[in-house]
Amino acid sequence: MKHLLTVEQLDAREIEKILALAKDFKHERGNPKSPQPLTGQSWALIFNKSSTRTRVSFEVGIRELGGSSLYLSTNEIQMGRGETPADTARVLSQYIHGVVIRTYAQRDVEQFAEAGTIPVVNALTDEEHPCQILADHFTIGEKLGSLKVRKVVFFGDGACNVCNSWLFGSVKTGMEMWVAAPKEFQPSLEFIRRAGGQIHVTEDIAAAAKNADVLYTDVWISMGKEAEAIERLKALAPYQISASVVKQAKPDALVMHCLPAYPGKEIASDVFQDHRKTIIDQAGNRLHVQKAIMALLAGNR
């Protein structure tokens, strides 16, 4: 694994390796004898989108692995003025040891990886959000004991980056994936075809939620979609994770949200409060999983 650009690129063995190492990092956090594979390294964070969890978890993770981080907003570097990702990659490869990129176009991340000579981590694009989904898998395994034969249901905007990554991740780890969404917000047939496996797409919320192990949602108005807010809220309103939806799932089902959340929209306020610990733990696990990803990439240079 030279880069982490998509969940699609990973095989089951690589996912297991990432999750196993994340477990070790979580257990050993704070131990002064923990491995520091980024010692002497400098990693850049190039962000074209605002962030709370992603930026903080990566910066803290780099430091805990012994490295130093450099935050670069695209408003402050030449990429924001038209320099190509490829040229930026070639130059930064002379200075730094790895880069974390959060941007709009998936192709920008891919071009950076193709042109540069350093590891590249996709910290979110419009197409995929691999670090989030790997942290989600870690959380499910941690709380339910296993990923095998778990039924995961994604509610709402099934055409978003988080759901795209979930399609690939569920198939690679042996889970049964359902997407409950109105037709105009269902995953593309191309992504479903590429993912393969047990993927079910429906407008029937009750059928999707029945006997589910995990109920999952994301914001309905992603960054860059603000102009569509009124239409999106109207179309997606029936797909809220509400108490009645939760009752259709298994009694011990997890309710998950990648945050930020807007209780009262994609998830009912009472449901969010009842399952807040799982959701906060899910966010916390980003740190351990991302440390594992960077450690593995650094070891493969």
Protein backbone atom coordinates (compact mmCIF):
# COMPACT_ATOMS: atom_id res chain seq x y z
CA MET A 1 0.00 0.00 0.00
CA LYS A 2 1.82 3.11 -1.26
CA HIS A 3 -1.15 5.48 -0.78
CA LEU A 4 -4.65 5.46 0.66
CA LEU A 5 -6.80 7.07 -2.02
CA THR A 6 -9.97 4.93 -1.87
CA VAL A 7 -11.54 2.05 0.00
CA GLU A 8 -11.97 0.43 -3.40
CA GLN A 9 -8.20 -0.02 -3.74
CA LEU A 10 -7.91 -2.04 -0.52
CA ASP A 11 -8.29 -5.78 -0.18
CA ALA A 12 -9.65 -7.58 2.88
CA ARG A 13 -6.17 -8.39 4.18
CA GLU A 14 -5.08 -4.75 4.06
CA ILE A 15 -8.22 -3.63 5.90
CA GLU A 16 -7.64 -6.26 8.60
CA LYS A 17 -4.05 -5.07 8.98
CA ILE A 18 -5.12 -1.43 9.37
CA LEU A 19 -7.78 -2.31 11.95
CA ALA A 20 -5.45 -4.58 13.93
CA LEU A 21 -2.77 -1.89 14.12
CA ALA A 22 -5.38 0.70 15.09
CA LYS A 23 -6.39 -1.54 17.99
CA ASP A 24 -2.77 -1.64 19.15
CA PHE A 25 -2.39 2.13 18.89
CA LYS A 26 -5.59 2.71 20.86
CA HIS A 27 -4.50 0.29 23.59
CA GLU A 28 -0.99 1.75 23.80
CA ARG A 29 -1.88 5.42 23.60
CA GLY A 30 0.06 7.38 26.18
CA ASN A 31 2.69 4.67 26.57
CA PRO A 32 6.10 6.37 26.15
CA LYS A 33 7.47 3.15 24.64
CA SER A 34 4.90 3.08 21.82
CA PRO A 35 6.40 2.93 18.31
CA GLN A 36 6.98 6.27 16.59
CA PRO A 37 7.37 5.40 12.90
CA LEU A 38 7.17 9.04 11.80
CA THR A 39 10.14 10.16 13.87
CA GLY A 40 12.10 12.77 11.93
CA GLN A 41 9.35 13.11 9.32
CA SER A 42 7.28 16.13 8.31
CA TRP A 43 3.78 15.60 6.89
CA ALA A 44 1.67 18.26 5.19
CA LEU A 45 -2.10 18.64 5.45
CA ILE A 46 -3.49 20.28 2.30
CA PHE A 47 -7.12 21.22 2.97
CA ASN A 48 -9.51 22.75 0.46
CA LYS A 49 -12.51 22.10 2.74
CA SER A 50 -13.17 23.10 6.33
CA SER A 51 -12.68 20.46 8.99
CA THR A 52 -12.79 19.76 12.71
CA ARG A 53 -12.32 16.01 13.33
CA THR A 54 -10.16 15.31 10.29
CA ARG A 55 -7.68 18.11 10.85
CA VAL A 56 -7.33 17.62 14.60
CA SER A 57 -7.10 13.82 14.46
CA PHE A 58 -4.44 13.89 11.74
CA GLU A 59 -2.34 16.61 13.39
CA VAL A 60 -2.47 14.87 16.78
CA GLY A 61 -1.82 11.48 15.16
CA ILE A 62 1.27 12.73 13.31
CA ARG A 63 2.70 14.16 16.54
CA GLU A 64 1.95 10.98 18.51
CA LEU A 65 3.79 8.98 15.84
CA GLY A 66 6.84 11.21 16.32
CA GLY A 67 6.42 13.45 13.28
CA SER A 68 5.63 17.10 12.71
CA SER A 69 2.71 18.50 10.73
CA LEU A 70 2.32 21.51 8.45
CA TYR A 71 -1.22 22.76 7.72
CA LEU A 72 -1.64 24.26 4.25
CA SER A 73 -4.94 25.81 3.26
CA THR A 74 -5.36 25.96 -0.51
CA ASN A 75 -6.19 29.63 -0.02
CA GLU A 76 -2.58 30.12 1.07
CA ILE A 77 -0.65 28.03 -1.46
CA GLN A 78 -0.28 28.17 -5.23
CA MET A 79 -2.75 25.30 -5.83
CA GLY A 80 -5.41 27.82 -4.88
CA ARG A 81 -4.21 30.08 -7.72
CA GLY A 82 -4.13 27.44 -10.44
CA GLU A 83 -0.92 25.46 -9.98
CA THR A 84 -1.64 21.84 -10.83
CA PRO A 85 -1.74 19.14 -8.16
CA ALA A 86 0.98 17.33 -10.13
CA ASP A 87 3.41 20.26 -9.99
CA THR A 88 2.66 20.83 -6.33
CA ALA A 89 3.31 17.14 -5.66
CA ARG A 90 6.65 17.17 -7.44
CA VAL A 91 7.89 20.15 -5.44
CA LEU A 92 6.53 19.11 -2.04
CA SER A 93 8.07 15.67 -2.50
CA GLN A 94 11.44 17.46 -2.16
CA TYR A 95 10.49 18.80 1.29
CA ILE A 96 8.11 16.49 3.12
CA HIS A 97 7.59 12.79 3.81
CA GLY A 98 3.84 12.43 3.35
CA VAL A 99 0.69 14.40 2.62
CA VAL A 100 -2.94 14.32 3.73
CA ILE A 101 -5.36 15.95 1.28
CA ARG A 102 -8.96 17.04 1.84
CA THR A 103 -10.50 18.49 -1.30
CA TYR A 104 -13.35 18.31 -3.81
CA ALA A 105 -12.14 16.39 -6.85
CA GLN A 106 -10.97 12.80 -6.47
CA ARG A 107 -8.80 13.28 -9.55
CA ASP A 108 -6.73 15.93 -7.73
CA VAL A 109 -5.73 13.40 -5.08
CA GLU A 110 -4.95 10.79 -7.73
CA GLN A 111 -2.82 13.21 -9.76
CA PHE A 112 -0.89 14.18 -6.65
CA ALA A 113 -0.13 10.52 -5.92
CA GLU A 114 0.86 9.82 -9.52
CA ALA A 115 3.27 12.76 -9.79
CA GLY A 116 4.81 12.78 -6.33
CA THR A 117 7.14 10.36 -4.59
CA ILE A 118 5.58 10.50 -1.10
CA PRO A 119 2.58 8.71 0.50
CA VAL A 120 -0.78 10.39 -0.08
CA VAL A 121 -3.82 9.97 2.18
CA ASN A 122 -7.29 10.92 0.97
CA ALA A 123 -8.86 12.77 3.90
CA LEU A 124 -12.11 13.31 1.93
CA THR A 125 -13.12 14.07 -1.62
CA ASP A 126 -16.52 14.36 -3.24
CA GLU A 127 -16.17 10.74 -4.32
CA GLU A 128 -14.82 8.90 -1.27
CA HIS A 129 -14.05 9.24 2.45
CA PRO A 130 -11.86 6.20 3.15
CA CYS A 131 -10.51 7.14 6.58
CA GLN A 132 -14.02 7.64 7.92
CA ILE A 133 -15.25 4.27 6.72
CA LEU A 134 -12.22 2.43 8.10
CA ALA A 135 -12.85 4.09 11.47
CA ASP A 136 -16.50 3.03 11.21
CA HIS A 137 -15.44 -0.58 10.62
CA PHE A 138 -13.12 -0.39 13.61
CA THR A 139 -15.98 0.93 15.78
CA ILE A 140 -18.41 -1.78 14.69
CA GLY A 141 -15.88 -4.52 15.38
CA GLU A 142 -15.05 -2.98 18.74
CA LYS A 143 -18.67 -2.72 19.86
CA LEU A 144 -20.25 -5.78 18.23
CA GLY A 145 -17.26 -8.11 18.29
CA SER A 146 -17.17 -8.89 14.57
CA LEU A 147 -17.86 -7.45 11.14
CA LYS A 148 -18.99 -10.70 9.52
CA VAL A 149 -22.59 -11.02 8.38
CA ARG A 150 -23.56 -7.65 9.81
CA LYS A 151 -26.42 -5.76 8.20
CA VAL A 152 -25.54 -2.09 7.74
CA VAL A 153 -28.14 0.41 6.52
CA PHE A 154 -27.26 3.85 5.21
CA PHE A 155 -30.20 6.31 5.30
CA GLY A 156 -30.57 9.54 3.33
CA ASP A 157 -28.17 10.80 0.69
CA GLY A 158 -26.95 7.49 -0.71
CA ALA A 159 -25.07 9.25 -3.52
CA CYS A 160 -22.57 10.92 -1.16
CA ASN A 161 -18.89 10.14 -0.61
CA VAL A 162 -19.45 8.36 2.71
CA CYS A 163 -21.98 5.97 1.23
CA ASN A 164 -19.74 5.35 -1.78
CA SER A 165 -16.91 4.26 0.49
CA TRP A 166 -19.32 2.16 2.53
CA LEU A 167 -20.34 0.22 -0.59
CA PHE A 168 -16.76 -0.90 -1.11
CA GLY A 169 -15.96 -1.42 2.56
CA SER A 170 -18.99 -3.57 3.33
CA VAL A 171 -18.31 -5.98 0.47
CA LYS A 172 -14.61 -6.34 1.31
CA THR A 173 -15.37 -7.17 4.97
CA GLY A 174 -18.31 -9.53 4.39
CA MET A 175 -21.15 -7.27 5.51
CA GLU A 176 -24.60 -6.92 4.00
CA MET A 177 -25.13 -3.35 2.80
CA TRP A 178 -28.49 -1.61 2.41
CA VAL A 179 -29.11 1.94 1.22
CA ALA A 180 -32.49 3.53 1.97
CA ALA A 181 -32.87 6.65 -0.16
CA PRO A 182 -35.23 8.33 -2.62
CA LYS A 183 -34.44 7.48 -6.23
CA GLU A 184 -32.66 10.75 -6.97
CA PHE A 185 -30.31 10.19 -4.01
CA GLN A 186 -29.43 6.55 -4.56
CA PRO A 187 -25.87 5.40 -5.32
CA SER A 188 -24.85 5.35 -8.95
CA LEU A 189 -25.17 2.04 -10.75
CA GLU A 190 -21.48 2.34 -11.62
CA PHE A 191 -20.43 2.36 -7.96
CA ILE A 192 -22.77 -0.53 -7.16
CA ARG A 193 -21.36 -2.54 -10.07
CA ARG A 194 -17.78 -1.86 -9.06
CA ALA A 195 -18.46 -2.79 -5.45
CA GLY A 196 -20.31 -6.05 -6.18
CA GLY A 197 -21.43 -8.17 -3.22
CA GLN A 198 -24.59 -7.92 -1.14
CA ILE A 199 -25.82 -4.40 -1.82
CA HIS A 200 -29.52 -3.62 -1.62
CA VAL A 201 -30.92 -0.22 -2.61
CA THR A 202 -34.51 0.63 -1.74
CA GLU A 203 -36.97 3.42 -1.01
CA ASP A 204 -38.62 1.20 1.64
CA ILE A 205 -37.30 2.46 4.98
CA ALA A 206 -38.93 -0.23 7.11
CA ALA A 207 -37.63 -3.07 4.96
CA ALA A 208 -34.13 -1.64 5.08
CA ALA A 209 -34.13 -1.19 8.86
CA LYS A 210 -35.60 -4.62 9.67
CA ASN A 211 -33.17 -6.66 11.80
CA ALA A 212 -30.30 -4.25 11.04
CA ASP A 213 -27.12 -4.33 13.11
CA VAL A 214 -26.09 -0.78 12.20
CA LEU A 215 -28.17 2.27 11.28
CA TYR A 216 -26.00 4.94 9.67
CA THR A 217 -26.55 8.44 8.37
CA ASP A 218 -24.72 11.56 7.24
CA VAL A 219 -25.64 15.20 6.74
CA TRP A 220 -28.11 15.90 3.94
CA ILE A 221 -26.38 19.06 2.75
CA SER A 222 -22.71 18.30 2.13
CA MET A 223 -20.11 20.98 1.45
CA GLY A 224 -20.72 22.35 -2.03
CA LYS A 225 -24.43 21.42 -2.00
CA GLU A 226 -25.73 24.45 -0.09
CA ALA A 227 -27.62 25.83 -3.11
CA GLU A 228 -29.73 22.66 -3.14
CA ALA A 229 -30.64 22.85 0.55
CA ILE A 230 -34.42 23.40 0.25
CA GLU A 231 -34.93 20.63 -2.31
CA ARG A 232 -32.68 18.22 -0.41
CA LEU A 233 -34.40 18.73 2.94
CA LYS A 234 -37.81 18.16 1.39
CA ALA A 235 -36.84 15.01 -0.50
CA LEU A 236 -34.85 13.43 2.32
CA ALA A 237 -37.15 14.25 5.27
CA PRO A 238 -38.82 10.78 5.25
CA TYR A 239 -35.40 9.11 5.59
CA GLN A 240 -34.54 10.44 9.03
CA ILE A 241 -33.29 7.90 11.58
CA SER A 242 -36.15 8.24 14.03
CA ALA A 243 -37.23 6.20 17.05
CA SER A 244 -39.65 4.24 14.85
CA VAL A 245 -36.80 3.33 12.49
CA VAL A 246 -34.62 2.22 15.41
CA LYS A 247 -37.41 -0.09 16.63
CA GLN A 248 -37.25 -1.99 13.33
CA ALA A 249 -33.58 -2.87 13.91
CA LYS A 250 -32.08 -5.41 16.29
CA PRO A 251 -32.34 -4.50 19.99
CA ASP A 252 -28.58 -3.95 20.25
CA ALA A 253 -28.22 -2.14 16.92
CA LEU A 254 -25.68 0.66 16.68
CA VAL A 255 -26.76 4.09 15.48
CA MET A 256 -23.83 5.82 13.81
CA HIS A 257 -23.17 9.24 12.31
CA CYS A 258 -19.89 10.51 10.82
CA LEU A 259 -20.54 14.08 12.10
CA PRO A 260 -21.15 16.95 12.07
CA ALA A 261 -24.76 16.14 12.94
CA TYR A 262 -27.88 18.24 12.62
CA PRO A 263 -30.35 16.63 15.06
CA GLY A 264 -33.90 17.09 13.88
CA LYS A 265 -32.88 16.61 10.25
CA GLU A 266 -31.03 13.44 9.25
CA ILE A 267 -31.35 12.02 12.77
CA ALA A 268 -34.04 12.67 15.38
CA SER A 269 -32.84 14.64 18.40
CA ASP A 270 -33.84 11.95 20.89
CA VAL A 271 -32.14 9.21 18.87
CA PHE A 272 -28.96 11.26 18.65
CA GLN A 273 -28.90 11.76 22.40
CA ASP A 274 -29.64 8.09 23.12
CA HIS A 275 -26.76 6.95 20.89
CA ARG A 276 -24.37 9.82 21.47
CA LYS A 277 -21.69 7.66 23.12
CA THR A 278 -21.40 5.39 20.08
CA ILE A 279 -21.22 8.39 17.75
CA ILE A 280 -18.55 10.14 19.83
CA ASP A 281 -16.54 6.92 20.14
CA GLN A 282 -16.83 6.56 16.36
CA ALA A 283 -15.31 10.02 15.94
CA GLY A 284 -12.57 9.26 18.47
CA ASN A 285 -11.55 6.14 16.60
CA ARG A 286 -10.56 8.27 13.61
CA LEU A 287 -7.34 9.07 15.49
CA HIS A 288 -6.27 5.46 15.98
CA VAL A 289 -7.18 4.30 12.48
CA GLN A 290 -5.43 7.23 10.81
CA LYS A 291 -2.31 6.61 12.89
CA ALA A 292 -2.37 3.02 11.63
CA ILE A 293 -2.73 4.17 8.02
CA MET A 294 0.17 6.61 8.25
CA ALA A 295 2.38 4.12 10.07
CA LEU A 296 1.81 1.50 7.39
CA LEU A 297 2.43 3.98 4.59
CA ALA A 298 5.63 5.20 6.23
CA GLY A 299 6.82 1.60 6.59
CA ASN A 300 6.28 0.92 2.88
CA ARG A 301 8.25 3.89 1.55
